[in-house]
Amino acid sequence: QVQLAETGGGLVQPGGSLRLSCAASGNIFSVNDMGWYRQAPGKQ
């Protein structure tokens, strides 16, 4: 089984910065593509 642990979200003012991290662990030997998706309220 594979687990993904995300960190780094929060509240920021316009113009500010944030850094997100996602660490994979578990029964995983190789990783191909990695990506970030987002979902805004009411949107896909």
All heavy atoms as atom14 arrays in JSON, in Angstrom:
{
  "sequence": "QVQLAETGGGLVQPGGSLRLSCAASGNIFSVNDMGWYRQAPGKQ",
  "atom14_mask": [
    [1, 1, 1, 1, 1, 1, 1, 1, 1, 0, 0, 0, 0, 0],
    [1, 1, 1, 1, 1, 1, 1, 0, 0, 0, 0, 0, 0, 0],
    [1, 1, 1, 1, 1, 1, 1, 1, 1, 0, 0, 0, 0, 0],
    [1, 1, 1, 1, 1, 1, 1, 1, 0, 0, 0, 0, 0, 0],
    [1, 1, 1, 1, 1, 0, 0, 0, 0, 0, 0, 0, 0, 0],
    [1, 1, 1, 1, 1, 1, 1, 1, 1, 0, 0, 0, 0, 0],
    [1, 1, 1, 1, 1, 1, 1, 0, 0, 0, 0, 0, 0, 0],
    [1, 1, 1, 1, 0, 0, 0, 0, 0, 0, 0, 0, 0, 0],
    [1, 1, 1, 1, 0, 0, 0, 0, 0, 0, 0, 0, 0, 0],
    [1, 1, 1, 1, 0, 0, 0, 0, 0, 0, 0, 0, 0, 0],
    [1, 1, 1, 1, 1, 1, 1, 1, 0, 0, 0, 0, 0, 0],
    [1, 1, 1, 1, 1, 1, 1, 0, 0, 0, 0, 0, 0, 0],
    [1, 1, 1, 1, 1, 1, 1, 1, 1, 0, 0, 0, 0, 0],
    [1, 1, 1, 1, 1, 1, 1, 0, 0, 0, 0, 0, 0, 0],
    [1, 1, 1, 1, 0, 0, 0, 0, 0, 0, 0, 0, 0, 0],
    [1, 1, 1, 1, 0, 0, 0, 0, 0, 0, 0, 0, 0, 0],
    [1, 1, 1, 1, 1, 1, 0, 0, 0, 0, 0, 0, 0, 0],
    [1, 1, 1, 1, 1, 1, 1, 1, 0, 0, 0, 0, 0, 0],
    [1, 1, 1, 1, 1, 1, 1, 1, 1, 1, 1, 0, 0, 0],
    [1, 1, 1, 1, 1, 1, 1, 1, 0, 0, 0, 0, 0, 0],
    [1, 1, 1, 1, 1, 1, 0, 0, 0, 0, 0, 0, 0, 0],
    [1, 1, 1, 1, 1, 1, 0, 0, 0, 0, 0, 0, 0, 0],
    [1, 1, 1, 1, 1, 0, 0, 0, 0, 0, 0, 0, 0, 0],
    [1, 1, 1, 1, 1, 0, 0, 0, 0, 0, 0, 0, 0, 0],
    [1, 1, 1, 1, 1, 1, 0, 0, 0, 0, 0, 0, 0, 0],
    [1, 1, 1, 1, 0, 0, 0, 0, 0, 0, 0, 0, 0, 0],
    [1, 1, 1, 1, 1, 1, 1, 1, 0, 0, 0, 0, 0, 0],
    [1, 1, 1, 1, 1, 1, 1, 1, 0, 0, 0, 0, 0, 0],
    [1, 1, 1, 1, 1, 1, 1, 1, 1, 1, 1, 0, 0, 0],
    [1, 1, 1, 1, 1, 1, 0, 0, 0, 0, 0, 0, 0, 0],
    [1, 1, 1, 1, 1, 1, 1, 0, 0, 0, 0, 0, 0, 0],
    [1, 1, 1, 1, 1, 1, 1, 1, 0, 0, 0, 0, 0, 0],
    [1, 1, 1, 1, 1, 1, 1, 1, 0, 0, 0, 0, 0, 0],
    [1, 1, 1, 1, 1, 1, 1, 1, 0, 0, 0, 0, 0, 0],
    [1, 1, 1, 1, 0, 0, 0, 0, 0, 0, 0, 0, 0, 0],
    [1, 1, 1, 1, 1, 1, 1, 1, 1, 1, 1, 1, 1, 1],
    [1, 1, 1, 1, 1, 1, 1, 1, 1, 1, 1, 1, 0, 0],
    [1, 1, 1, 1, 1, 1, 1, 1, 1, 1, 1, 0, 0, 0],
    [1, 1, 1, 1, 1, 1, 1, 1, 1, 0, 0, 0, 0, 0],
    [1, 1, 1, 1, 1, 0, 0, 0, 0, 0, 0, 0, 0, 0],
    [1, 1, 1, 1, 1, 1, 1, 0, 0, 0, 0, 0, 0, 0],
    [1, 1, 1, 1, 0, 0, 0, 0, 0, 0, 0, 0, 0, 0],
    [1, 1, 1, 1, 1, 1, 1, 1, 1, 0, 0, 0, 0, 0],
    [1, 1, 1, 1, 1, 1, 1, 1, 1, 0, 0, 0, 0, 0]
  ],
  "atom14_positions": [
    [[0.85, -1.19, 0.0], [0.0, 0.0, 0.0], [0.89, 1.24, 0.0], [1.97, 1.22, 0.55], [-0.9, 0.0, 1.23], [-2.1, 0.89, 1.09], [-3.22, 0.47, 2.04], [-3.03, -0.4, 2.87], [-4.36, 1.09, 1.9], [0.0, 0.0, 0.0], [0.0, 0.0, 0.0], [0.0, 0.0, 0.0], [0.0, 0.0, 0.0], [0.0, 0.0, 0.0]],
    [[0.38, 2.29, -0.65], [1.13, 3.54, -0.78], [0.42, 4.63, -0.01], [-0.81, 4.77, -0.09], [1.27, 3.93, -2.26], [1.94, 5.29, -2.39], [2.05, 2.88, -3.03], [0.0, 0.0, 0.0], [0.0, 0.0, 0.0], [0.0, 0.0, 0.0], [0.0, 0.0, 0.0], [0.0, 0.0, 0.0], [0.0, 0.0, 0.0], [0.0, 0.0, 0.0]],
    [[1.18, 5.4, 0.75], [0.63, 6.53, 1.48], [1.28, 7.81, 0.97], [2.47, 7.84, 0.69], [0.87, 6.41, 2.99], [0.16, 5.25, 3.65], [0.95, 3.96, 3.51], [2.17, 3.95, 3.61], [0.24, 2.87, 3.28], [0.0, 0.0, 0.0], [0.0, 0.0, 0.0], [0.0, 0.0, 0.0], [0.0, 0.0, 0.0], [0.0, 0.0, 0.0]],
    [[0.47, 8.86, 0.88], [0.96, 10.18, 0.49], [0.66, 11.15, 1.62], [-0.49, 11.26, 2.06], [0.29, 10.65, -0.8], [0.49, 9.79, -2.03], [-0.23, 10.38, -3.23], [1.97, 9.62, -2.36], [0.0, 0.0, 0.0], [0.0, 0.0, 0.0], [0.0, 0.0, 0.0], [0.0, 0.0, 0.0], [0.0, 0.0, 0.0], [0.0, 0.0, 0.0]],
    [[1.67, 11.85, 2.07], [1.53, 12.81, 3.17], [1.77, 14.21, 2.64], [2.89, 14.52, 2.22], [2.5, 12.48, 4.29], [0.0, 0.0, 0.0], [0.0, 0.0, 0.0], [0.0, 0.0, 0.0], [0.0, 0.0, 0.0], [0.0, 0.0, 0.0], [0.0, 0.0, 0.0], [0.0, 0.0, 0.0], [0.0, 0.0, 0.0], [0.0, 0.0, 0.0]],
    [[0.75, 15.03, 2.67], [0.84, 16.4, 2.16], [0.99, 17.37, 3.33], [0.33, 17.22, 4.36], [-0.42, 16.77, 1.38], [-0.67, 15.9, 0.17], [-2.06, 16.1, -0.38], [-2.86, 16.8, 0.27], [-2.35, 15.55, -1.45], [0.0, 0.0, 0.0], [0.0, 0.0, 0.0], [0.0, 0.0, 0.0], [0.0, 0.0, 0.0], [0.0, 0.0, 0.0]],
    [[1.81, 18.37, 3.14], [1.97, 19.43, 4.14], [2.13, 20.76, 3.42], [2.45, 20.8, 2.22], [3.2, 19.2, 5.03], [4.36, 19.1, 4.2], [3.06, 17.93, 5.85], [0.0, 0.0, 0.0], [0.0, 0.0, 0.0], [0.0, 0.0, 0.0], [0.0, 0.0, 0.0], [0.0, 0.0, 0.0], [0.0, 0.0, 0.0], [0.0, 0.0, 0.0]],
    [[1.88, 21.84, 4.14], [2.21, 23.17, 3.63], [1.05, 24.08, 3.3], [1.28, 25.23, 2.95], [0.0, 0.0, 0.0], [0.0, 0.0, 0.0], [0.0, 0.0, 0.0], [0.0, 0.0, 0.0], [0.0, 0.0, 0.0], [0.0, 0.0, 0.0], [0.0, 0.0, 0.0], [0.0, 0.0, 0.0], [0.0, 0.0, 0.0], [0.0, 0.0, 0.0]],
    [[-0.18, 23.63, 3.4], [-1.29, 24.51, 3.11], [-1.49, 25.53, 4.22], [-0.81, 25.52, 5.24], [0.0, 0.0, 0.0], [0.0, 0.0, 0.0], [0.0, 0.0, 0.0], [0.0, 0.0, 0.0], [0.0, 0.0, 0.0], [0.0, 0.0, 0.0], [0.0, 0.0, 0.0], [0.0, 0.0, 0.0], [0.0, 0.0, 0.0], [0.0, 0.0, 0.0]],
    [[-2.43, 26.45, 3.99], [-2.73, 27.44, 5.0], [-3.4, 28.66, 4.42], [-3.84, 28.66, 3.28], [0.0, 0.0, 0.0], [0.0, 0.0, 0.0], [0.0, 0.0, 0.0], [0.0, 0.0, 0.0], [0.0, 0.0, 0.0], [0.0, 0.0, 0.0], [0.0, 0.0, 0.0], [0.0, 0.0, 0.0], [0.0, 0.0, 0.0], [0.0, 0.0, 0.0]],
    [[-3.44, 29.7, 5.26], [-4.05, 30.97, 4.88], [-2.94, 31.97, 4.56], [-2.0, 32.12, 5.36], [-4.92, 31.49, 6.02], [-5.48, 32.91, 5.89], [-6.44, 33.0, 4.71], [-6.15, 33.34, 7.18], [0.0, 0.0, 0.0], [0.0, 0.0, 0.0], [0.0, 0.0, 0.0], [0.0, 0.0, 0.0], [0.0, 0.0, 0.0], [0.0, 0.0, 0.0]],
    [[-3.05, 32.64, 3.44], [-2.04, 33.6, 3.04], [-2.73, 34.79, 2.36], [-3.79, 34.63, 1.75], [-1.01, 32.94, 2.1], [-1.65, 32.49, 0.81], [0.19, 33.84, 1.85], [0.0, 0.0, 0.0], [0.0, 0.0, 0.0], [0.0, 0.0, 0.0], [0.0, 0.0, 0.0], [0.0, 0.0, 0.0], [0.0, 0.0, 0.0], [0.0, 0.0, 0.0]],
    [[-2.12, 35.95, 2.48], [-2.67, 37.13, 1.83], [-2.34, 37.13, 0.35], [-1.35, 36.51, -0.08], [-2.11, 38.39, 2.48], [-2.58, 38.6, 3.91], [-2.14, 39.93, 4.48], [-1.2, 40.56, 3.98], [-2.82, 40.39, 5.52], [0.0, 0.0, 0.0], [0.0, 0.0, 0.0], [0.0, 0.0, 0.0], [0.0, 0.0, 0.0], [0.0, 0.0, 0.0]],
    [[-3.13, 37.82, -0.46], [-2.79, 37.95, -1.88], [-1.38, 38.49, -2.06], [-0.97, 39.4, -1.34], [-3.84, 38.92, -2.4], [-5.02, 38.72, -1.49], [-4.42, 38.45, -0.14], [0.0, 0.0, 0.0], [0.0, 0.0, 0.0], [0.0, 0.0, 0.0], [0.0, 0.0, 0.0], [0.0, 0.0, 0.0], [0.0, 0.0, 0.0], [0.0, 0.0, 0.0]],
    [[-0.66, 37.89, -3.0], [0.73, 38.25, -3.22], [1.72, 37.44, -2.41], [2.93, 37.52, -2.65], [0.0, 0.0, 0.0], [0.0, 0.0, 0.0], [0.0, 0.0, 0.0], [0.0, 0.0, 0.0], [0.0, 0.0, 0.0], [0.0, 0.0, 0.0], [0.0, 0.0, 0.0], [0.0, 0.0, 0.0], [0.0, 0.0, 0.0], [0.0, 0.0, 0.0]],
    [[1.22, 36.67, -1.48], [2.09, 35.86, -0.63], [2.52, 34.56, -1.28], [2.2, 34.29, -2.45], [0.0, 0.0, 0.0], [0.0, 0.0, 0.0], [0.0, 0.0, 0.0], [0.0, 0.0, 0.0], [0.0, 0.0, 0.0], [0.0, 0.0, 0.0], [0.0, 0.0, 0.0], [0.0, 0.0, 0.0], [0.0, 0.0, 0.0], [0.0, 0.0, 0.0]],
    [[3.24, 33.75, -0.5], [3.79, 32.49, -1.0], [3.49, 31.35, -0.05], [3.37, 31.55, 1.16], [5.31, 32.6, -1.17], [5.66, 33.58, -2.12], [0.0, 0.0, 0.0], [0.0, 0.0, 0.0], [0.0, 0.0, 0.0], [0.0, 0.0, 0.0], [0.0, 0.0, 0.0], [0.0, 0.0, 0.0], [0.0, 0.0, 0.0], [0.0, 0.0, 0.0]],
    [[3.41, 30.17, -0.6], [3.31, 28.93, 0.16], [4.08, 27.85, -0.58], [4.22, 27.9, -1.8], [1.85, 28.47, 0.31], [0.95, 29.2, 1.29], [-0.48, 28.66, 1.17], [1.44, 29.03, 2.72], [0.0, 0.0, 0.0], [0.0, 0.0, 0.0], [0.0, 0.0, 0.0], [0.0, 0.0, 0.0], [0.0, 0.0, 0.0], [0.0, 0.0, 0.0]],
    [[4.54, 26.88, 0.18], [5.21, 25.73, -0.43], [4.53, 24.46, 0.06], [4.48, 24.2, 1.26], [6.7, 25.7, -0.06], [7.49, 24.64, -0.83], [8.86, 24.47, -0.24], [9.76, 23.74, -1.13], [10.75, 22.97, -0.7], [10.97, 22.84, 0.6], [11.53, 22.35, -1.56], [0.0, 0.0, 0.0], [0.0, 0.0, 0.0], [0.0, 0.0, 0.0]],
    [[4.03, 23.68, -0.88], [3.4, 22.4, -0.56], [4.41, 21.28, -0.77], [5.23, 21.32, -1.68], [2.19, 22.16, -1.45], [1.11, 23.25, -1.48], [-0.05, 22.8, -2.37], [0.63, 23.58, -0.09], [0.0, 0.0, 0.0], [0.0, 0.0, 0.0], [0.0, 0.0, 0.0], [0.0, 0.0, 0.0], [0.0, 0.0, 0.0], [0.0, 0.0, 0.0]],
    [[4.3, 20.27, 0.09], [5.14, 19.07, -0.04], [4.25, 17.85, -0.01], [3.22, 17.83, 0.67], [6.15, 18.99, 1.1], [7.02, 20.09, 1.1], [0.0, 0.0, 0.0], [0.0, 0.0, 0.0], [0.0, 0.0, 0.0], [0.0, 0.0, 0.0], [0.0, 0.0, 0.0], [0.0, 0.0, 0.0], [0.0, 0.0, 0.0], [0.0, 0.0, 0.0]],
    [[4.67, 16.81, -0.71], [3.94, 15.54, -0.7], [4.96, 14.42, -0.74], [5.68, 14.27, -1.73], [2.99, 15.46, -1.89], [2.16, 13.88, -2.07], [0.0, 0.0, 0.0], [0.0, 0.0, 0.0], [0.0, 0.0, 0.0], [0.0, 0.0, 0.0], [0.0, 0.0, 0.0], [0.0, 0.0, 0.0], [0.0, 0.0, 0.0], [0.0, 0.0, 0.0]],
    [[5.0, 13.65, 0.34], [5.96, 12.56, 0.44], [5.25, 11.22, 0.3], [4.25, 10.96, 0.98], [6.68, 12.63, 1.79], [0.0, 0.0, 0.0], [0.0, 0.0, 0.0], [0.0, 0.0, 0.0], [0.0, 0.0, 0.0], [0.0, 0.0, 0.0], [0.0, 0.0, 0.0], [0.0, 0.0, 0.0], [0.0, 0.0, 0.0], [0.0, 0.0, 0.0]],
    [[5.78, 10.38, -0.58], [5.22, 9.04, -0.79], [5.98, 8.02, 0.04], [7.2, 8.09, 0.17], [5.3, 8.67, -2.27], [0.0, 0.0, 0.0], [0.0, 0.0, 0.0], [0.0, 0.0, 0.0], [0.0, 0.0, 0.0], [0.0, 0.0, 0.0], [0.0, 0.0, 0.0], [0.0, 0.0, 0.0], [0.0, 0.0, 0.0], [0.0, 0.0, 0.0]],
    [[5.25, 7.07, 0.61], [5.88, 6.01, 1.39], [5.05, 4.74, 1.27], [3.95, 4.75, 0.74], [6.0, 6.43, 2.86], [4.71, 6.63, 3.41], [0.0, 0.0, 0.0], [0.0, 0.0, 0.0], [0.0, 0.0, 0.0], [0.0, 0.0, 0.0], [0.0, 0.0, 0.0], [0.0, 0.0, 0.0], [0.0, 0.0, 0.0], [0.0, 0.0, 0.0]],
    [[5.61, 3.66, 1.78], [4.9, 2.39, 1.74], [5.48, 1.46, 0.69], [6.66, 1.51, 0.38], [0.0, 0.0, 0.0], [0.0, 0.0, 0.0], [0.0, 0.0, 0.0], [0.0, 0.0, 0.0], [0.0, 0.0, 0.0], [0.0, 0.0, 0.0], [0.0, 0.0, 0.0], [0.0, 0.0, 0.0], [0.0, 0.0, 0.0], [0.0, 0.0, 0.0]],
    [[4.63, 0.64, 0.15], [5.03, -0.38, -0.81], [5.17, 0.24, -2.2], [4.35, 0.03, -3.08], [4.0, -1.51, -0.83], [4.49, -2.71, -1.62], [5.69, -2.87, -1.83], [3.57, -3.54, -2.07], [0.0, 0.0, 0.0], [0.0, 0.0, 0.0], [0.0, 0.0, 0.0], [0.0, 0.0, 0.0], [0.0, 0.0, 0.0], [0.0, 0.0, 0.0]],
    [[6.24, 1.02, -2.36], [6.42, 1.75, -3.61], [7.88, 1.63, -4.01], [8.79, 1.82, -3.21], [6.01, 3.23, -3.42], [6.08, 4.0, -4.72], [6.81, 3.92, -2.33], [5.4, 5.36, -4.64], [0.0, 0.0, 0.0], [0.0, 0.0, 0.0], [0.0, 0.0, 0.0], [0.0, 0.0, 0.0], [0.0, 0.0, 0.0], [0.0, 0.0, 0.0]],
    [[8.11, 1.26, -5.26], [9.47, 1.03, -5.71], [9.93, 2.01, -6.76], [11.11, 2.3, -6.89], [9.6, -0.41, -6.22], [9.3, -1.43, -5.19], [8.07, -2.07, -5.16], [10.24, -1.75, -4.22], [7.78, -3.0, -4.19], [9.97, -2.69, -3.25], [8.74, -3.33, -3.23], [0.0, 0.0, 0.0], [0.0, 0.0, 0.0], [0.0, 0.0, 0.0]],
    [[9.01, 2.51, -7.52], [9.37, 3.52, -8.53], [8.18, 4.42, -8.74], [7.03, 4.0, -8.6], [9.78, 2.85, -9.84], [8.69, 2.18, -10.42], [0.0, 0.0, 0.0], [0.0, 0.0, 0.0], [0.0, 0.0, 0.0], [0.0, 0.0, 0.0], [0.0, 0.0, 0.0], [0.0, 0.0, 0.0], [0.0, 0.0, 0.0], [0.0, 0.0, 0.0]],
    [[8.48, 5.64, -9.07], [7.43, 6.64, -9.28], [7.61, 7.26, -10.65], [8.72, 7.68, -10.99], [7.49, 7.72, -8.18], [6.49, 8.82, -8.48], [7.21, 7.11, -6.82], [0.0, 0.0, 0.0], [0.0, 0.0, 0.0], [0.0, 0.0, 0.0], [0.0, 0.0, 0.0], [0.0, 0.0, 0.0], [0.0, 0.0, 0.0], [0.0, 0.0, 0.0]],
    [[6.56, 7.31, -11.39], [6.62, 7.96, -12.7], [6.23, 9.42, -12.55], [6.91, 10.18, -11.89], [5.75, 7.19, -13.69], [6.2, 5.76, -13.84], [7.39, 5.48, -13.96], [5.27, 4.82, -13.8], [0.0, 0.0, 0.0], [0.0, 0.0, 0.0], [0.0, 0.0, 0.0], [0.0, 0.0, 0.0], [0.0, 0.0, 0.0], [0.0, 0.0, 0.0]],
    [[5.09, 9.81, -13.1], [4.67, 11.2, -12.98], [4.18, 11.53, -11.57], [3.61, 10.68, -10.89], [3.54, 11.51, -13.96], [4.01, 11.5, -15.41], [5.22, 11.27, -15.63], [3.17, 11.71, -16.29], [0.0, 0.0, 0.0], [0.0, 0.0, 0.0], [0.0, 0.0, 0.0], [0.0, 0.0, 0.0], [0.0, 0.0, 0.0], [0.0, 0.0, 0.0]],
    [[4.45, 12.75, -11.16], [3.91, 13.28, -9.9], [3.25, 14.61, -10.24], [3.71, 15.32, -11.15], [5.02, 13.5, -8.87], [5.86, 12.25, -8.61], [7.18, 12.53, -7.4], [6.31, 12.27, -5.86], [0.0, 0.0, 0.0], [0.0, 0.0, 0.0], [0.0, 0.0, 0.0], [0.0, 0.0, 0.0], [0.0, 0.0, 0.0], [0.0, 0.0, 0.0]],
    [[2.2, 14.94, -9.52], [1.5, 16.17, -9.86], [0.68, 16.73, -8.73], [0.48, 16.09, -7.7], [0.0, 0.0, 0.0], [0.0, 0.0, 0.0], [0.0, 0.0, 0.0], [0.0, 0.0, 0.0], [0.0, 0.0, 0.0], [0.0, 0.0, 0.0], [0.0, 0.0, 0.0], [0.0, 0.0, 0.0], [0.0, 0.0, 0.0], [0.0, 0.0, 0.0]],
    [[0.25, 17.96, -8.95], [-0.63, 18.65, -8.01], [-1.91, 19.05, -8.74], [-1.85, 19.57, -9.87], [0.04, 19.9, -7.45], [1.15, 19.61, -6.51], [2.49, 19.52, -6.79], [1.02, 19.34, -5.11], [3.18, 19.21, -5.65], [2.31, 19.1, -4.6], [-0.06, 19.28, -4.23], [2.55, 18.81, -3.26], [0.18, 18.99, -2.9], [1.47, 18.77, -2.43]],
    [[-3.03, 18.79, -8.1], [-4.34, 19.18, -8.59], [-4.99, 20.08, -7.53], [-4.58, 20.07, -6.37], [-5.22, 17.95, -8.81], [-4.8, 17.09, -9.97], [-3.62, 16.35, -9.93], [-5.58, 17.01, -11.13], [-3.23, 15.56, -11.0], [-5.2, 16.22, -12.2], [-4.03, 15.49, -12.13], [-3.65, 14.71, -13.19], [0.0, 0.0, 0.0], [0.0, 0.0, 0.0]],
    [[-5.98, 20.81, -7.93], [-6.72, 21.6, -6.96], [-8.2, 21.58, -7.31], [-8.59, 21.41, -8.46], [-6.21, 23.05, -6.9], [-6.51, 23.89, -8.12], [-5.88, 25.25, -7.99], [-6.06, 26.05, -9.2], [-5.39, 27.16, -9.48], [-4.49, 27.63, -8.6], [-5.6, 27.82, -10.59], [0.0, 0.0, 0.0], [0.0, 0.0, 0.0], [0.0, 0.0, 0.0]],
    [[-8.99, 21.78, -6.26], [-10.43, 21.83, -6.43], [-10.96, 23.02, -5.65], [-10.87, 23.05, -4.41], [-11.09, 20.54, -5.96], [-12.57, 20.47, -6.28], [-13.12, 19.06, -6.16], [-12.53, 18.19, -5.53], [-14.25, 18.83, -6.79], [0.0, 0.0, 0.0], [0.0, 0.0, 0.0], [0.0, 0.0, 0.0], [0.0, 0.0, 0.0], [0.0, 0.0, 0.0]],
    [[-11.49, 23.98, -6.39], [-12.11, 25.15, -5.76], [-13.57, 24.83, -5.45], [-14.16, 23.94, -6.08], [-12.01, 26.35, -6.7], [0.0, 0.0, 0.0], [0.0, 0.0, 0.0], [0.0, 0.0, 0.0], [0.0, 0.0, 0.0], [0.0, 0.0, 0.0], [0.0, 0.0, 0.0], [0.0, 0.0, 0.0], [0.0, 0.0, 0.0], [0.0, 0.0, 0.0]],
    [[-14.16, 25.55, -4.51], [-15.57, 25.29, -4.17], [-16.47, 25.4, -5.4], [-16.41, 26.37, -6.14], [-15.88, 26.39, -3.15], [-14.56, 26.73, -2.55], [-13.56, 26.57, -3.66], [0.0, 0.0, 0.0], [0.0, 0.0, 0.0], [0.0, 0.0, 0.0], [0.0, 0.0, 0.0], [0.0, 0.0, 0.0], [0.0, 0.0, 0.0], [0.0, 0.0, 0.0]],
    [[-17.27, 24.36, -5.62], [-18.21, 24.38, -6.73], [-17.62, 24.11, -8.09], [-18.31, 24.21, -9.1], [0.0, 0.0, 0.0], [0.0, 0.0, 0.0], [0.0, 0.0, 0.0], [0.0, 0.0, 0.0], [0.0, 0.0, 0.0], [0.0, 0.0, 0.0], [0.0, 0.0, 0.0], [0.0, 0.0, 0.0], [0.0, 0.0, 0.0], [0.0, 0.0, 0.0]],
    [[-16.33, 23.76, -8.12], [-15.68, 23.51, -9.4], [-15.08, 22.11, -9.43], [-14.91, 21.46, -8.4], [-14.58, 24.55, -9.64], [-15.09, 25.97, -9.81], [-13.98, 26.9, -10.23], [-14.51, 28.31, -10.47], [-13.42, 29.24, -10.91], [0.0, 0.0, 0.0], [0.0, 0.0, 0.0], [0.0, 0.0, 0.0], [0.0, 0.0, 0.0], [0.0, 0.0, 0.0]],
    [[-14.76, 21.68, -10.64], [-14.14, 20.37, -10.79], [-12.67, 20.42, -10.43], [-12.02, 21.47, -10.51], [-14.3, 19.88, -12.23], [-15.73, 19.5, -12.62], [-15.79, 18.85, -13.98], [-14.99, 19.15, -14.86], [-16.75, 17.96, -14.16], [0.0, 0.0, 0.0], [0.0, 0.0, 0.0], [0.0, 0.0, 0.0], [0.0, 0.0, 0.0], [0.0, 0.0, 0.0]]
  ]
}
